[in-house]
Structure formats: structure tokens, C-alpha cells
Amino acid sequence: MKIGIIGVGTVGASVANILRDNKDIIAARAGCEIVPAIGVVNNLSKKRDVTIELTDNVDKVLNDDSIDVIVELMGGIEKPYEIVKKALEKGKAVVTANKALLAYHRYELQEIAGDTAFEYEAAVAGGIPIINALRDGLTANNIQSIRGIMNGTCNYMLTKMIGEGVDYDTILKESQDLGYAEADPTFDVGGFDAAHKLLILGSIAYGIDAKPEDILIEGIQNISPEDIDFANEFNYSIKLLTIAKKVGEEIELRVHPVLIPKEEMIAKVDGVMNGVSVIGDKVGETMYYGAGAGGDATASAVVANIIDIARRGKGSPMLGFEKPHGKNLKLMSKDDIETKYYLRLRVEDKAGVLAKIATILGERNISIEKMIQKPLNTTCAHILLSTHTSVEKNIVAALKTIEETKVVTAKPAMIRIED
């Protein structure tokens, strides 16, 4: 079986080298020799740690009838979509690690692929086989919920902020120096990377066709030392969590920071590691943990897909369903999400302020569960409070009223609570 690799960067080079270094065990497991035949790059003059032939002409690979599998690792959305579409139309199997491509075009690609193998394990949580677990291992179950830590950059930053008291700007710079965060970190710290992965899992678990702009996405940019203090005071950790949850005939899909009890298994996933918790109606909770990024970890998942194609000849149902999902599940509106909330309010330290805040919250059927008041100086204080379960639209409306009535001296902050 001959492989063409489009995009020979860190992951692409690792794929080629794994196929070379472990060729004997791979051939034994696949039932045939798997050869990385050619790679496509933008810059042929750049030195790369690979021994395969390189070209800057993608058509040379697409039009080569001897190439059986196209591995797409170039990144982006529209250009790789056109390339992958052409490969599938020519009957070539495809393996990709491109989560952004799938976040926007997974259903179109499923239609084009038909019975042609299309695999993408590495697109979600790197080396963790969560796609395989959902699509094959848990197929007897109705999936009740998925909660994931699927961005190592954010998880590393939050682990340091909670555990060592490092402020956001300091740990962001450290993450950039270590290579965990990009020069422009928005895609990671803004929650968009994790959201792309969540949309893929939501399709496999529930058959939900949603785009990033359809779901609730918030990042970690506004986490403050006061939030860390509150978390530690009440034995919470703070994580950027991806959540997919079935509520009646609706599906919640959301990505945002959460306060989560430290004793929960998902809260113990620290540093750059990823973790995914899946609850099925028959199996109960299963937990998946491992490296969510990195050349070798991601390439390991890519090569596993290639081996699977060699064994089966065709792939599993791309998004997990041989025919349309039997129930008419729909995406829940962001406004209707129900959870608990933590609020950080900067106020003037004077009589009557807390009563006014409680009144505004009460008018929206929001009740306070826990509260701390921390003086900032002689005239101002922070009120840090958590609520009982409330509705998203009510919290948003209450915070808007609090801000408009000048009860606070700075824009209110809010973090959702998962317990």
C-alpha cells in the first residue's frame, strides 16, 4: 500500500518516519507492506527529517494511480477540502488530522466518500483513540454526555494558574516560549480549537450537524487571580471543558471555562495532557487520557488509521451511522442551557450594594449558593458568588442589568460550574 502525505511538517514527518522505523510490525498488523511514497510541501528548499521523495505539486500525488491513501496534514479549511474532495472522487482513501476541515465540511465529505475509507482519529485529542471508542467501542450505547479537556495549551496554562498562582499574561508568555502556544494564541485560548473537536464528537455521538458559529464558545482570557482564589476556597479546579450532553430530545454543545470539583477524574487531567469522559446509558462512565498533541502522538493515530484501512479495505461509517439517526435530535439554543454559575463583581464597598445585587438576581429566578467578599482597597471590593442551577438567558440578562444600574465598577465576569 503506497501513501502520499500532503503536508510534511512535524506530524507529516513523524508519519513517514514511523512507517519507516516500525515497518515490520506495521506490515505484520496490516497484512501488507505500507510505504510512504511521496510527500507534498510548499517549500522544497526547507530541510526536513524525512527520506521520502518530496514535491510541491499536489496534482502529482492526486493523479498517481499507484498512490492508495492520501494523508492530509496541511491545515486550513477550503484548500484542503478541495484536495480531499478530489482524492475521494478518484477513489483514494483519505486520512486527515484536520479538525477545522471537519468542523465545517464533515457531512459533505461523508457524502462524497461513500464506501471509500475516510479516517480522522488524529483530528481529536491527538494520540487518544476517542474516535474509535465512540464510533466502534461504544456503539451499543446511547451517549448521555461527553466532557473533554482537548486543548493542551489551555490546560497547561490553567494548571499553572491554579497550582502555582501564576497570572494569565505570565503563563501565556511562558507557553509561547515553550512552543505550546502560537505567537497569536487566539485559536487555542479562545476555545476555537477545542470547539472544532467537540463538533466532530457531537456528530459521531448524536448525528448533530452544527458549525462553530452555532454553539457557545468562550476562552480562558478573562480568568483572574480572584477566580483562582474562589476555586481554591471551595475545592474547585478551573478547566476549559468541551461539553456535549443529551437533554430530552436536544443536544447541548458548548466550550468554555468551568469550575469543576477537584475530586472528579476529568479535573485531575493536568499540564499539556488531554482527557475525555464519555457516559453511555449501558456502560456508564469511561475515561480516556493521553497526549493530545505532538508529532509522534498525533502521527501514531494517523498510522493506526492507515493500518485499519489496509485491514478492512474500506473504513467504518465516517460519522458513526450507517443510516440517518432514528431520533430527530436538535441542537439546544445557547439561551436555554442550564447550569450553575460563578459571578465576579467589582463593587463599591458600601451598604446596600449586596442587597441590590441579590434583588436583581432574584427577579430572574437566580438564587445564591455561596459567597465571598474580598476588599480591594478602602472604597472597592470583589463580591464572588456562585448560584444554584439557573438558565443561561436569565444570567446574561441579570448581569446586563447589574452593569446598567451602575451597581458594579467594572464589567461583571462569569464562569459556569459543572458539578
Protein backbone atom coordinates (compact mmCIF):
# COMPACT_ATOMS: atom_id res chain seq x y z
CA MET A 1 0.00 0.00 0.00
CA LYS A 2 1.50 3.34 -1.09
CA ILE A 3 0.92 6.53 0.88
CA GLY A 4 1.03 10.15 -0.28
CA ILE A 5 1.48 12.70 2.51
CA ILE A 6 0.20 16.22 1.82
CA GLY A 7 1.91 18.47 4.37
CA VAL A 8 5.25 17.18 5.65
CA GLY A 9 5.63 19.30 8.78
CA THR A 10 6.08 17.99 12.30
CA VAL A 11 3.25 15.44 12.11
CA GLY A 12 3.78 14.53 8.44
CA ALA A 13 7.47 13.84 9.03
CA SER A 14 6.58 11.71 12.06
CA VAL A 15 4.11 9.69 9.95
CA ALA A 16 6.76 8.99 7.32
CA ASN A 17 9.34 8.06 9.95
CA ILE A 18 7.00 5.77 11.92
CA LEU A 19 6.11 3.92 8.71
CA ARG A 20 9.84 3.52 8.06
CA ASP A 21 11.05 2.75 11.60
CA ASN A 22 8.26 0.32 12.52
CA LYS A 23 7.65 -1.14 9.07
CA ASP A 24 7.97 -4.78 10.14
CA ILE A 25 5.43 -4.67 12.99
CA ILE A 26 3.14 -2.46 10.90
CA ALA A 27 3.26 -4.93 7.98
CA ALA A 28 2.51 -7.80 10.35
CA ARG A 29 -0.50 -5.98 11.77
CA ALA A 30 -1.77 -4.59 8.46
CA GLY A 31 -1.22 -7.73 6.38
CA CYS A 32 0.78 -5.82 3.77
CA GLU A 33 3.76 -3.50 3.48
CA ILE A 34 2.84 0.17 3.86
CA VAL A 35 5.20 2.53 2.05
CA PRO A 36 5.35 6.34 2.40
CA ALA A 37 5.95 7.03 -1.28
CA ILE A 38 5.83 10.80 -1.69
CA GLY A 39 5.23 13.99 0.29
CA VAL A 40 3.87 17.37 -0.80
CA VAL A 41 5.40 20.54 0.67
CA ASN A 42 5.20 24.26 -0.05
CA ASN A 43 8.94 24.87 0.18
CA LEU A 44 11.24 22.27 -1.36
CA SER A 45 14.36 24.09 -0.17
CA LYS A 46 13.46 23.68 3.52
CA LYS A 47 15.40 20.87 5.20
CA ARG A 48 13.19 18.08 6.56
CA ASP A 49 13.99 14.96 8.57
CA VAL A 50 12.48 12.51 6.07
CA THR A 51 13.82 10.13 3.44
CA ILE A 52 10.81 10.10 1.11
CA GLU A 53 10.53 11.85 -2.26
CA LEU A 54 9.16 15.40 -1.96
CA THR A 55 7.26 17.57 -4.44
CA ASP A 56 5.49 20.93 -4.37
CA ASN A 57 2.89 19.74 -6.93
CA VAL A 58 -0.16 18.23 -5.23
CA ASP A 59 -1.58 17.05 -8.56
CA LYS A 60 1.41 14.75 -8.97
CA VAL A 61 0.12 12.81 -5.96
CA LEU A 62 -3.60 13.05 -6.72
CA ASN A 63 -3.13 11.84 -10.29
CA ASP A 64 -0.75 8.99 -9.42
CA ASP A 65 -2.78 5.77 -9.70
CA SER A 66 -0.21 3.89 -7.61
CA ILE A 67 -0.99 6.01 -4.53
CA ASP A 68 -3.64 4.21 -2.45
CA VAL A 69 -4.05 6.53 0.52
CA ILE A 70 -3.81 10.31 0.81
CA VAL A 71 -2.78 11.62 4.23
CA GLU A 72 -3.84 15.29 4.54
CA LEU A 73 -1.85 17.21 7.17
CA MET A 74 -1.63 20.68 5.62
CA GLY A 75 -4.13 22.50 7.87
CA GLY A 76 -6.66 25.14 6.86
CA ILE A 77 -10.19 24.63 5.61
CA GLU A 78 -11.10 25.39 1.99
CA LYS A 79 -7.89 24.40 0.19
CA PRO A 80 -7.63 21.02 1.95
CA TYR A 81 -11.35 20.50 1.34
CA GLU A 82 -10.82 20.76 -2.42
CA ILE A 83 -7.80 18.43 -2.26
CA VAL A 84 -9.53 15.82 -0.11
CA LYS A 85 -12.65 16.02 -2.29
CA LYS A 86 -10.56 15.32 -5.42
CA ALA A 87 -8.81 12.42 -3.70
CA LEU A 88 -12.10 10.81 -2.68
CA GLU A 89 -13.61 11.34 -6.15
CA LYS A 90 -10.62 9.46 -7.57
CA GLY A 91 -11.35 6.57 -5.20
CA LYS A 92 -8.33 7.14 -2.96
CA ALA A 93 -8.73 6.52 0.75
CA VAL A 94 -8.07 9.58 2.95
CA VAL A 95 -6.67 10.03 6.43
CA THR A 96 -6.63 13.51 7.98
CA ALA A 97 -5.76 15.20 11.26
CA ASN A 98 -7.51 18.42 10.18
CA LYS A 99 -10.15 19.28 12.79
CA ALA A 100 -11.02 22.65 11.20
CA LEU A 101 -11.75 20.93 7.88
CA LEU A 102 -14.11 18.50 9.60
CA ALA A 103 -15.75 21.17 11.76
CA TYR A 104 -17.05 22.79 8.58
CA HIS A 105 -17.19 20.06 5.92
CA ARG A 106 -17.60 16.66 7.63
CA TYR A 107 -21.07 15.98 6.25
CA GLU A 108 -20.19 16.96 2.68
CA LEU A 109 -17.08 14.75 2.85
CA GLN A 110 -19.08 11.85 4.24
CA GLU A 111 -21.41 12.11 1.25
CA ILE A 112 -18.53 12.26 -1.23
CA ALA A 113 -16.63 9.41 0.42
CA GLY A 114 -19.45 6.86 0.30
CA ASP A 115 -17.75 3.46 0.77
CA THR A 116 -14.26 4.91 0.28
CA ALA A 117 -12.33 4.92 3.54
CA PHE A 118 -12.11 8.31 5.27
CA GLU A 119 -10.45 8.27 8.68
CA TYR A 120 -9.59 11.09 11.10
CA GLU A 121 -8.66 9.74 14.54
CA ALA A 122 -5.84 12.28 14.92
CA ALA A 123 -8.21 15.23 14.43
CA VAL A 124 -9.48 14.93 18.01
CA ALA A 125 -7.24 14.64 21.09
CA GLY A 126 -4.11 13.57 19.21
CA GLY A 127 -2.97 10.13 20.32
CA ILE A 128 -6.11 9.32 22.35
CA PRO A 129 -8.31 6.88 20.34
CA ILE A 130 -11.55 8.67 21.21
CA ILE A 131 -12.98 8.49 17.65
CA ASN A 132 -12.53 4.72 17.64
CA ALA A 133 -14.03 4.44 21.12
CA LEU A 134 -17.15 6.43 20.19
CA ARG A 135 -17.62 5.08 16.67
CA ASP A 136 -16.84 1.43 17.34
CA GLY A 137 -16.29 0.58 21.01
CA LEU A 138 -19.42 2.24 22.44
CA THR A 139 -21.89 1.64 19.60
CA ALA A 140 -24.28 -0.32 21.85
CA ASN A 141 -24.90 2.79 23.94
CA ASN A 142 -26.97 5.92 23.84
CA ILE A 143 -24.33 8.51 24.72
CA GLN A 144 -25.59 10.62 27.60
CA SER A 145 -22.67 13.05 27.79
CA ILE A 146 -19.12 13.79 26.68
CA ARG A 147 -16.85 16.08 28.68
CA GLY A 148 -13.37 16.72 27.38
CA ILE A 149 -10.17 18.60 28.06
CA MET A 150 -8.95 18.78 24.50
CA ASN A 151 -6.57 21.70 24.29
CA GLY A 152 -3.18 21.14 25.90
CA THR A 153 -2.17 24.81 25.73
CA CYS A 154 -5.15 25.96 27.82
CA ASN A 155 -4.83 23.03 30.19
CA TYR A 156 -1.15 23.76 30.80
CA MET A 157 -1.89 27.43 31.47
CA LEU A 158 -4.80 26.77 33.82
CA THR A 159 -2.86 24.07 35.70
CA LYS A 160 -0.09 26.59 36.40
CA MET A 161 -2.53 29.36 37.31
CA ILE A 162 -4.42 27.15 39.78
CA GLY A 163 -1.45 25.24 41.20
CA GLU A 164 1.22 27.94 41.33
CA GLY A 165 -0.70 31.23 41.31
CA VAL A 166 0.88 32.37 38.03
CA ASP A 167 -1.10 35.17 36.33
CA TYR A 168 -2.54 34.82 32.83
CA ASP A 169 -0.10 37.11 30.98
CA THR A 170 2.97 35.48 32.57
CA ILE A 171 1.90 31.91 31.83
CA LEU A 172 0.85 32.82 28.27
CA LYS A 173 4.36 34.13 27.55
CA GLU A 174 5.89 31.02 29.12
CA SER A 175 3.63 28.81 26.98
CA GLN A 176 4.74 30.68 23.86
CA ASP A 177 8.42 30.33 24.85
CA LEU A 178 7.92 26.56 25.36
CA GLY A 179 6.19 26.20 21.99
CA TYR A 180 2.81 25.25 23.50
CA ALA A 181 1.14 28.47 22.35
CA GLU A 182 1.42 30.22 18.99
CA ALA A 183 2.56 33.83 18.56
CA ASP A 184 -1.15 34.56 18.00
CA PRO A 185 -2.71 32.22 20.61
CA THR A 186 -6.36 33.14 19.92
CA PHE A 187 -7.29 29.83 18.28
CA ASP A 188 -6.25 27.94 21.42
CA VAL A 189 -7.02 30.30 24.31
CA GLY A 190 -10.25 31.48 22.67
CA GLY A 191 -11.68 27.94 22.71
CA PHE A 192 -11.96 27.53 18.92
CA ASP A 193 -9.55 24.59 18.63
CA ALA A 194 -11.49 22.67 21.28
CA ALA A 195 -14.81 23.62 19.65
CA HIS A 196 -13.80 22.08 16.32
CA LYS A 197 -13.04 18.81 18.10
CA LEU A 198 -16.32 18.93 20.03
CA LEU A 199 -18.35 19.32 16.82
CA ILE A 200 -16.78 16.15 15.42
CA LEU A 201 -17.59 14.17 18.56
CA GLY A 202 -21.12 15.61 18.59
CA SER A 203 -21.72 14.25 15.09
CA ILE A 204 -20.48 10.77 15.99
CA ALA A 205 -22.44 10.59 19.26
CA TYR A 206 -25.68 12.29 18.19
CA GLY A 207 -25.73 12.92 14.45
CA ILE A 208 -25.78 16.70 15.05
CA ASP A 209 -24.71 18.86 12.10
CA ALA A 210 -23.56 22.12 13.68
CA LYS A 211 -20.89 24.68 12.77
CA PRO A 212 -18.64 26.58 15.21
CA GLU A 213 -20.80 29.70 14.96
CA ASP A 214 -23.86 27.69 16.11
CA ILE A 215 -22.50 26.78 19.53
CA LEU A 216 -21.38 28.51 22.74
CA ILE A 217 -17.60 29.12 22.64
CA GLU A 218 -15.68 31.05 25.30
CA GLY A 219 -11.96 31.11 26.08
CA ILE A 220 -9.79 31.49 29.16
CA GLN A 221 -8.55 35.05 28.55
CA ASN A 222 -10.57 36.59 31.41
CA ILE A 223 -9.63 34.20 34.23
CA SER A 224 -8.35 36.33 37.13
CA PRO A 225 -6.47 35.70 40.41
CA GLU A 226 -9.76 36.29 42.24
CA ASP A 227 -11.36 33.44 40.27
CA ILE A 228 -8.44 31.21 41.24
CA ASP A 229 -8.90 32.16 44.91
CA PHE A 230 -12.61 31.31 44.79
CA ALA A 231 -11.86 27.98 43.09
CA ASN A 232 -9.31 27.02 45.73
CA GLU A 233 -11.56 28.21 48.58
CA PHE A 234 -14.35 25.83 47.53
CA ASN A 235 -12.16 22.96 46.25
CA TYR A 236 -12.75 23.58 42.56
CA SER A 237 -10.35 23.35 39.66
CA ILE A 238 -10.75 25.53 36.55
CA LYS A 239 -10.66 23.79 33.18
CA LEU A 240 -11.51 24.68 29.60
CA LEU A 241 -14.13 21.98 29.05
CA THR A 242 -15.88 20.75 25.94
CA ILE A 243 -19.38 19.52 26.78
CA ALA A 244 -21.83 17.51 24.70
CA LYS A 245 -24.94 16.48 26.60
CA LYS A 246 -28.30 14.95 25.71
CA VAL A 247 -31.21 16.71 27.44
CA GLY A 248 -34.52 15.23 26.32
CA GLU A 249 -34.52 15.44 22.53
CA GLU A 250 -32.00 18.30 22.47
CA ILE A 251 -28.20 18.29 22.49
CA GLU A 252 -26.04 20.82 24.32
CA LEU A 253 -22.74 21.61 22.59
CA ARG A 254 -20.56 24.14 24.40
CA VAL A 255 -16.94 25.04 25.10
CA HIS A 256 -15.95 27.34 27.96
CA PRO A 257 -14.02 27.52 31.23
CA VAL A 258 -15.71 25.71 34.11
CA LEU A 259 -15.33 25.40 37.83
CA ILE A 260 -15.29 21.66 38.49
CA PRO A 261 -14.78 19.79 41.80
CA LYS A 262 -11.16 18.75 42.18
CA GLU A 263 -12.12 15.17 43.08
CA GLU A 264 -13.67 14.50 39.66
CA MET A 265 -11.48 12.39 37.36
CA ILE A 266 -11.61 14.91 34.50
CA ALA A 267 -10.40 17.63 36.90
CA LYS A 268 -7.22 15.61 37.55
CA VAL A 269 -6.09 15.92 33.92
CA ASP A 270 -3.26 18.45 34.26
CA GLY A 271 -0.47 20.04 32.23
CA VAL A 272 -0.47 19.56 28.47
CA MET A 273 -2.36 16.27 28.68
CA ASN A 274 -5.86 15.70 27.29
CA GLY A 275 -8.72 13.71 28.80
CA VAL A 276 -12.21 12.76 27.66
CA SER A 277 -15.04 11.35 29.79
CA VAL A 278 -17.89 9.58 28.00
CA ILE A 279 -21.04 8.37 29.74
CA GLY A 280 -23.13 5.73 27.97
CA ASP A 281 -26.52 4.52 29.15
CA LYS A 282 -25.27 0.90 29.44
CA VAL A 283 -21.52 1.12 30.02
CA GLY A 284 -21.59 4.05 32.46
CA GLU A 285 -18.57 6.36 32.51
CA THR A 286 -15.42 5.59 30.54
CA MET A 287 -12.33 7.82 30.69
CA TYR A 288 -9.64 8.36 28.03
CA TYR A 289 -6.34 10.06 28.85
CA GLY A 290 -3.16 10.81 26.94
CA ALA A 291 -1.12 13.19 24.83
CA GLY A 292 -3.40 15.42 22.81
CA ALA A 293 -0.75 16.87 20.51
CA GLY A 294 2.85 16.47 19.41
CA GLY A 295 4.36 14.94 16.29
CA ASP A 296 4.69 11.32 17.35
CA ALA A 297 1.46 11.13 19.38
CA THR A 298 -0.64 12.58 16.55
CA ALA A 299 1.22 10.57 13.90
CA SER A 300 0.56 7.40 15.92
CA ALA A 301 -3.18 7.96 15.41
CA VAL A 302 -2.68 8.69 11.69
CA VAL A 303 -0.72 5.46 11.16
CA ALA A 304 -3.33 3.48 13.13
CA ASN A 305 -5.95 4.73 10.63
CA ILE A 306 -3.76 3.69 7.69
CA ILE A 307 -3.35 0.21 9.16
CA ASP A 308 -7.09 -0.06 9.69
CA ILE A 309 -7.71 0.84 6.03
CA ALA A 310 -5.20 -1.84 4.97
CA ARG A 311 -7.04 -4.42 7.06
CA ARG A 312 -10.61 -3.58 6.09
CA GLY A 313 -10.31 -2.24 2.58
CA LYS A 314 -12.89 0.36 3.49
CA GLY A 315 -13.46 2.49 6.58
CA SER A 316 -16.04 2.40 9.32
CA PRO A 317 -19.09 4.64 8.76
CA MET A 318 -17.36 8.00 8.71
CA LEU A 319 -19.56 9.71 11.31
CA GLY A 320 -20.70 6.56 13.05
CA PHE A 321 -24.10 5.92 11.45
CA GLU A 322 -24.82 3.56 8.55
CA LYS A 323 -28.14 5.35 8.05
CA PRO A 324 -29.60 8.59 9.46
CA HIS A 325 -30.07 8.76 13.21
CA GLY A 326 -33.51 7.43 14.15
CA LYS A 327 -34.44 10.26 16.51
CA ASN A 328 -34.86 13.85 15.44
CA LEU A 329 -32.33 15.31 17.88
CA LYS A 330 -31.71 19.03 17.57
CA LEU A 331 -29.14 21.47 18.87
CA MET A 332 -30.20 23.26 22.06
CA SER A 333 -30.24 27.05 21.90
CA LYS A 334 -27.39 28.69 23.80
CA ASP A 335 -30.01 30.68 25.75
CA ASP A 336 -31.65 27.54 27.17
CA ILE A 337 -28.55 25.92 28.71
CA GLU A 338 -29.00 25.22 32.42
CA THR A 339 -26.10 25.01 34.86
CA LYS A 340 -24.70 26.67 37.96
CA TYR A 341 -22.73 29.91 37.68
CA TYR A 342 -19.91 31.72 39.42
CA LEU A 343 -20.00 35.54 39.26
CA ARG A 344 -17.21 38.02 39.96
CA LEU A 345 -18.49 41.54 40.67
CA ARG A 346 -16.32 44.58 41.47
CA VAL A 347 -18.43 46.94 43.59
CA GLU A 348 -18.22 50.00 45.81
CA ASP A 349 -17.76 48.83 49.39
CA LYS A 350 -20.85 50.43 50.91
CA ALA A 351 -24.15 49.45 52.48
CA GLY A 352 -27.00 48.24 50.26
CA VAL A 353 -24.90 47.02 47.31
CA LEU A 354 -25.20 43.32 48.10
CA ALA A 355 -28.95 43.65 48.71
CA LYS A 356 -29.40 45.35 45.33
CA ILE A 357 -27.45 42.59 43.57
CA ALA A 358 -29.49 39.89 45.33
CA THR A 359 -32.71 41.65 44.27
CA ILE A 360 -31.67 41.81 40.60
CA LEU A 361 -30.71 38.14 40.64
CA GLY A 362 -33.92 37.17 42.42
CA GLU A 363 -36.02 38.93 39.78
CA ARG A 364 -34.52 36.49 37.27
CA ASN A 365 -35.14 33.43 39.50
CA ILE A 366 -31.44 33.17 40.35
CA SER A 367 -30.56 32.17 43.91
CA ILE A 368 -27.14 32.48 45.56
CA GLU A 369 -25.46 29.34 46.88
CA LYS A 370 -22.02 30.55 48.13
CA MET A 371 -20.45 33.99 48.51
CA ILE A 372 -17.17 35.66 49.48
CA GLN A 373 -16.49 39.40 49.75
CA LYS A 374 -12.84 40.47 49.36
CA PRO A 375 -11.76 44.10 49.92
CA LEU A 376 -9.66 45.57 47.10
CA ASN A 377 -8.92 48.95 48.71
CA THR A 378 -10.64 51.38 51.04
CA THR A 379 -13.54 52.01 48.65
CA CYS A 380 -13.95 48.87 46.47
CA ALA A 381 -14.44 45.14 46.99
CA HIS A 382 -14.93 42.00 44.95
CA ILE A 383 -18.09 40.00 45.53
CA LEU A 384 -17.51 36.41 44.41
CA LEU A 385 -20.60 34.24 44.40
CA SER A 386 -21.99 31.03 42.98
CA THR A 387 -25.62 30.31 42.10
CA HIS A 388 -27.91 27.34 42.18
CA THR A 389 -28.87 25.92 38.78
CA SER A 390 -30.10 28.71 36.52
CA VAL A 391 -30.87 29.33 32.85
CA GLU A 392 -28.25 30.97 30.64
CA LYS A 393 -30.54 33.71 29.30
CA ASN A 394 -31.50 34.70 32.86
CA ILE A 395 -27.89 35.01 33.98
CA VAL A 396 -26.98 37.05 30.89
CA ALA A 397 -29.95 39.37 31.44
CA ALA A 398 -29.20 39.79 35.15
CA LEU A 399 -25.56 40.66 34.52
CA LYS A 400 -26.63 43.21 31.91
CA THR A 401 -29.00 44.83 34.42
CA ILE A 402 -26.33 44.82 37.14
CA GLU A 403 -23.92 46.58 34.78
CA GLU A 404 -26.50 49.09 33.51
CA THR A 405 -27.68 50.08 37.00
CA LYS A 406 -24.10 51.00 38.00
CA VAL A 407 -24.06 48.54 40.89
CA VAL A 408 -20.60 47.48 39.74
CA THR A 409 -17.48 49.50 38.94
CA ALA A 410 -16.23 47.11 36.23
CA LYS A 411 -17.77 44.68 33.77
CA PRO A 412 -19.07 41.58 35.62
CA ALA A 413 -17.34 38.25 34.95
CA MET A 414 -18.98 34.83 34.87
CA ILE A 415 -17.75 31.21 34.80
CA ARG A 416 -20.08 28.21 34.58
CA ILE A 417 -19.92 25.44 37.19
CA GLU A 418 -20.06 21.71 36.39
CA ASP A 419 -20.63 19.53 39.46
